[in-house]
Protein backbone atom coordinates (compact mmCIF):
# COMPACT_ATOMS: atom_id res chain seq x y z
CA MET A 1 -0.02 0.03 0.02
CA PRO A 2 1.49 3.39 -0.90
CA VAL A 3 2.19 5.77 1.97
CA GLN A 4 -0.01 8.86 2.14
CA ARG A 5 2.26 11.88 2.39
CA ASP A 6 1.17 14.46 4.85
CA PRO A 7 0.79 17.70 2.65
CA PHE A 8 1.58 19.87 5.76
CA LYS A 9 5.15 18.53 5.51
CA THR A 10 5.90 20.19 2.21
CA GLN A 11 6.89 23.47 3.67
CA HIS A 12 7.84 22.15 6.99
CA GLY A 13 10.22 19.24 6.55
CA ASP A 14 9.92 15.52 6.81
CA GLU A 15 10.02 14.85 10.46
CA MET A 16 6.55 14.14 11.91
CA TYR A 17 7.42 15.55 15.36
CA GLN A 18 10.23 17.53 16.91
CA GLU A 19 10.38 18.21 20.59
CA ARG A 20 9.60 21.91 21.32
CA VAL A 21 12.24 22.39 24.04
CA TYR A 22 11.69 26.13 24.11
CA ARG A 23 8.14 25.54 25.48
CA GLU A 24 9.74 24.72 28.82
CA GLN A 25 10.42 28.55 29.15
CA ILE A 26 6.85 29.67 28.50
CA LYS A 27 5.34 30.89 31.70
CA SER A 28 1.65 30.09 32.15
CA GLU A 29 0.81 30.50 35.85
CA ASN A 30 -2.87 30.70 36.58
CA LEU A 31 -3.71 29.90 32.89
CA TYR A 32 -4.88 26.77 31.24
CA ARG A 33 -2.23 24.98 29.16
CA LYS A 34 -2.83 22.26 26.58
CA VAL A 35 -0.73 20.66 23.86
CA LEU A 36 -2.78 19.47 20.83
CA VAL A 37 -1.00 17.35 18.18
CA GLU A 38 -2.51 16.19 14.90
CA LYS A 39 0.01 14.83 12.49
CA GLU A 40 2.41 17.67 11.71
CA THR A 41 0.21 20.30 13.48
CA ASP A 42 1.61 20.75 17.01
CA LEU A 43 -0.23 23.42 19.02
CA LEU A 44 0.50 24.87 22.43
CA ILE A 45 -2.66 26.65 23.66
CA VAL A 46 -2.34 28.82 26.72
CA SER A 47 -5.53 30.61 27.69
CA SER A 48 -7.58 31.97 30.59
CA LYS A 49 -10.38 29.57 29.71
CA PRO A 50 -9.96 25.87 29.07
CA PHE A 51 -9.81 24.75 25.38
CA ASP A 52 -11.91 21.71 24.59
CA ASP A 53 -12.69 22.05 20.94
CA ASP A 54 -10.16 19.72 19.45
CA GLN A 55 -12.27 19.15 16.38
CA MET A 56 -11.81 22.73 15.36
CA VAL A 57 -8.04 22.17 14.52
CA HIS A 58 -8.97 18.89 12.70
CA GLY A 59 -11.59 20.97 10.71
CA TYR A 60 -9.08 23.54 9.56
CA ARG A 61 -6.62 20.91 8.49
CA HIS A 62 -9.46 19.03 6.68
CA VAL A 63 -10.25 22.23 4.75
CA ILE A 64 -6.64 22.78 3.71
CA GLU A 65 -6.11 19.12 2.76
CA SER A 66 -9.31 19.00 0.75
CA TYR A 67 -8.36 22.22 -1.13
CA ILE A 68 -4.85 20.70 -1.97
CA LYS A 69 -6.47 17.78 -3.59
CA ARG A 70 -8.62 20.11 -5.68
CA ARG A 71 -5.80 22.51 -6.50
CA PRO A 72 -2.30 20.81 -6.20
CA GLU A 73 -0.48 24.02 -7.04
CA PHE A 74 -1.46 25.14 -3.52
CA LEU A 75 1.56 23.04 -2.35
CA GLY A 76 4.03 24.90 -4.52
CA LEU A 77 6.75 27.25 -3.35
CA VAL A 78 5.52 30.23 -5.38
CA PRO A 79 2.47 32.40 -5.08
CA ILE A 80 -0.78 31.33 -6.83
CA SER A 81 -3.73 33.24 -8.13
CA ASN A 82 -6.67 34.15 -5.91
CA ASP A 83 -9.75 32.02 -5.61
CA GLU A 84 -12.89 33.87 -4.74
CA PHE A 85 -14.83 30.62 -4.19
CA ALA A 86 -12.31 29.18 -1.73
CA PRO A 87 -12.94 28.90 2.01
CA GLU A 88 -11.93 31.90 4.09
CA ILE A 89 -8.74 30.38 5.55
CA ILE A 90 -7.60 29.34 2.03
CA LYS A 91 -8.11 32.84 0.57
CA HIS A 92 -6.27 34.36 3.55
CA MET A 93 -3.31 31.95 3.04
CA ILE A 94 -3.24 32.84 -0.78
CA GLU A 95 -3.30 36.56 -0.16
CA ALA A 96 -0.72 36.64 2.63
CA SER A 97 1.73 34.37 0.65
CA ARG A 98 1.23 36.50 -2.45
CA SER A 99 2.26 39.64 -0.43
CA ALA A 100 5.62 38.01 0.54
CA GLY A 101 6.21 36.13 -2.68
CA VAL A 102 6.07 32.62 -1.35
CA GLY A 103 3.84 29.57 -1.67
CA PRO A 104 0.61 29.39 0.34
CA MET A 105 1.78 26.49 2.60
CA ALA A 106 4.46 28.94 3.94
CA THR A 107 1.58 30.37 5.99
CA VAL A 108 0.05 27.18 7.34
CA ALA A 109 1.37 27.19 10.79
CA GLY A 110 0.48 30.89 11.30
CA ALA A 111 -2.90 30.21 9.76
CA ILE A 112 -3.95 27.61 12.33
CA SER A 113 -2.61 29.69 15.13
CA HIS A 114 -4.45 32.71 13.90
CA TYR A 115 -7.80 31.13 13.27
CA VAL A 116 -7.78 29.09 16.60
CA GLY A 117 -6.86 32.30 18.46
CA GLU A 118 -9.55 34.35 16.77
CA TYR A 119 -12.20 31.73 17.67
CA LEU A 120 -11.40 31.73 21.36
CA THR A 121 -13.08 34.25 23.70
CA SER A 122 -10.48 34.19 26.51
CA SER A 123 -8.98 37.45 27.67
CA GLU A 124 -5.56 35.78 27.65
CA ILE A 125 -4.61 33.66 24.64
CA MET A 126 -1.30 32.40 23.19
CA ILE A 127 -1.33 29.90 20.40
CA GLU A 128 2.02 28.61 19.44
CA ASN A 129 2.58 26.39 16.47
CA GLY A 130 6.22 25.55 15.58
CA GLY A 131 7.42 29.01 16.59
CA ASP A 132 4.49 30.94 15.10
CA ILE A 133 2.45 32.73 17.72
CA TYR A 134 -0.91 34.30 17.84
CA LEU A 135 -1.02 36.52 21.04
CA LYS A 136 -3.88 38.28 22.81
CA SER A 137 -3.25 39.58 26.31
CA GLU A 138 -4.22 42.17 28.88
CA LYS A 139 -0.76 42.35 30.13
CA ASP A 140 2.55 43.20 28.52
CA LYS A 141 4.56 40.18 27.45
CA VAL A 142 8.09 39.40 26.52
CA ILE A 143 8.61 36.87 23.71
CA SER A 144 12.07 35.21 24.10
CA ILE A 145 13.81 34.64 20.72
CA TYR A 146 15.14 30.98 20.43
CA ALA A 147 18.02 31.17 17.96
CA GLY A 148 19.79 27.87 18.15
CA GLU A 149 23.57 28.18 18.90
CA SER A 150 23.72 31.92 18.55
CA PRO A 151 24.87 33.79 21.56
CA PHE A 152 21.58 35.82 21.35
CA SER A 153 19.51 32.72 21.80
CA ASN A 154 17.09 33.05 24.80
CA GLN A 155 18.95 36.12 25.87
CA VAL A 156 17.05 38.65 23.83
CA GLY A 157 13.33 39.14 23.76
CA ILE A 158 10.74 41.34 22.15
CA LYS A 159 8.42 43.27 24.50
CA ILE A 160 4.77 43.10 23.31
CA LYS A 161 2.46 45.79 24.75
CA SER A 162 -1.05 44.67 25.74
CA GLU A 163 -2.67 47.39 23.62
CA ASP A 164 -1.03 46.06 20.48
CA THR A 165 -2.62 42.73 20.78
CA PRO A 166 -3.98 40.52 19.20
CA ILE A 167 -0.87 40.22 17.15
CA GLY A 168 1.20 37.61 15.28
CA ILE A 169 4.85 36.88 16.15
CA CYS A 170 6.36 34.41 13.67
CA THR A 171 9.75 32.78 13.36
CA SER A 172 11.71 31.20 10.55
CA ALA A 173 15.19 29.64 10.75
CA GLY A 174 17.58 28.07 8.30
CA LYS A 175 19.57 26.27 11.03
CA VAL A 176 16.89 25.34 13.61
CA GLY A 177 13.66 23.44 13.49
CA HIS A 178 11.59 21.82 10.77
CA SER A 179 10.62 24.73 8.57
CA LEU A 180 11.69 24.80 4.89
CA SER A 181 14.23 27.52 4.40
CA TYR A 182 16.90 28.25 1.70
CA GLY A 183 18.78 30.62 4.09
CA ASN A 184 21.06 30.17 6.99
CA ALA A 185 19.62 32.51 9.75
CA ASP A 186 19.41 31.34 13.33
CA ALA A 187 16.10 33.22 13.62
CA VAL A 188 14.10 35.59 11.63
CA VAL A 189 11.16 36.97 13.59
CA VAL A 190 8.38 39.01 12.07
CA ILE A 191 5.52 40.89 13.80
CA SER A 192 2.24 41.77 12.15
CA GLU A 193 -1.38 42.08 13.17
CA ASP A 194 -1.90 39.38 10.45
CA THR A 195 -0.33 36.20 11.81
CA LEU A 196 -0.30 34.62 8.27
CA LEU A 197 1.45 37.57 6.76
CA ALA A 198 4.09 37.46 9.57
CA ASP A 199 4.56 33.76 8.86
CA ALA A 200 4.85 34.25 5.08
CA THR A 201 7.24 37.21 5.53
CA ALA A 202 9.47 35.41 7.95
CA THR A 203 9.82 32.55 5.39
CA ALA A 204 10.71 34.95 2.59
CA ILE A 205 13.27 36.89 4.66
CA GLY A 206 14.73 33.59 5.91
CA ASN A 207 15.32 32.53 2.34
CA ILE A 208 17.27 35.80 1.68
CA VAL A 209 19.53 35.69 4.76
CA LYS A 210 22.48 33.25 4.06
CA THR A 211 25.27 35.25 5.69
CA THR A 212 25.53 38.30 8.12
CA GLU A 213 25.99 40.43 5.05
CA ASP A 214 22.39 39.70 4.02
CA ILE A 215 20.79 41.12 7.16
CA ARG A 216 20.28 44.50 5.70
CA GLU A 217 18.64 43.09 2.49
CA GLY A 218 16.38 41.01 4.59
CA LEU A 219 15.31 44.02 6.64
CA GLU A 220 14.75 46.08 3.53
CA PHE A 221 12.61 43.39 1.95
CA GLY A 222 10.47 42.89 5.02
CA LYS A 223 9.75 46.62 5.66
CA SER A 224 8.57 46.95 1.97
CA ILE A 225 5.64 44.69 2.80
CA LEU A 226 2.46 46.53 3.88
CA GLY A 227 1.36 45.30 7.25
CA ILE A 228 4.69 44.27 8.74
CA LEU A 229 5.31 46.09 12.00
CA GLY A 230 8.70 44.78 13.08
CA ILE A 231 11.55 42.42 12.18
CA VAL A 232 14.50 40.85 14.06
CA ILE A 233 17.07 38.83 12.19
CA ILE A 234 19.83 36.79 13.99
CA ILE A 235 22.64 34.93 12.42
CA ASP A 236 25.61 33.80 14.33
CA ASP A 237 26.74 36.66 16.54
CA GLU A 238 25.02 39.38 14.55
CA LEU A 239 21.57 40.90 15.07
CA GLY A 240 19.66 43.34 12.89
CA ALA A 241 16.18 44.90 13.73
CA TRP A 242 13.67 47.21 12.19
CA GLY A 243 10.26 48.55 13.09
CA ASP A 244 8.16 49.60 16.10
CA ILE A 245 9.59 46.98 18.37
CA GLU A 246 11.32 47.01 21.81
CA LEU A 247 14.13 44.54 22.39
CA VAL A 248 14.75 43.60 26.01
CA SER A 249 17.08 41.30 28.00
CA VAL A 250 15.25 38.22 28.86
CA ASP A 251 17.18 37.91 32.21
CA GLU A 252 15.76 41.32 33.17
């Protein structure tokens, strides 16, 4: 019997599961915490109300998988044309990926985080899916940047003000994790009110950054995309940043 390939792996590598060691640092006192895994989708859900609608995640995956069967080019690495008759999440993925010049599946992790987060009514919500985060909070938060072996890893964070949420914070890396990247960055973090756009742009910038000399080009590309609020690029012992963001020491 032929093996059915999980279409979600196309943009995110061939390993079904990789341990999310960085999750150990996520503080969630007095909040409900749940890990939900379905094939390649691996969500950490932290919220002020318990999450009990596991079928919702299955439903979003089913919509995406069904659309891929109908339109295989959705799996490609380049933008595709809009489809006015597609489900909302599909149209959103196509639009965000076109803005960043990548294939629709470059937005899949951000898409599921975003739509699950938008569905919940909790006052405190963090949906993390392979380094792509949808955040809604009544308190300021610091998002630590995991950047593999770089000396900046888990030492530098981005302060997110409560009034700026809900917001998407998405990460791509060429050296770390399971995301497909043609670059060599330890971490490319992009912030946008549109989590899918942040995800797509992080992928696009990650493809650009192969050496420290590419940091400026990556920042210039990212800031040219309407809707991007901030960017952080880390490669080896170099860091570049742009936008309305506040970098802080995680230790502090």
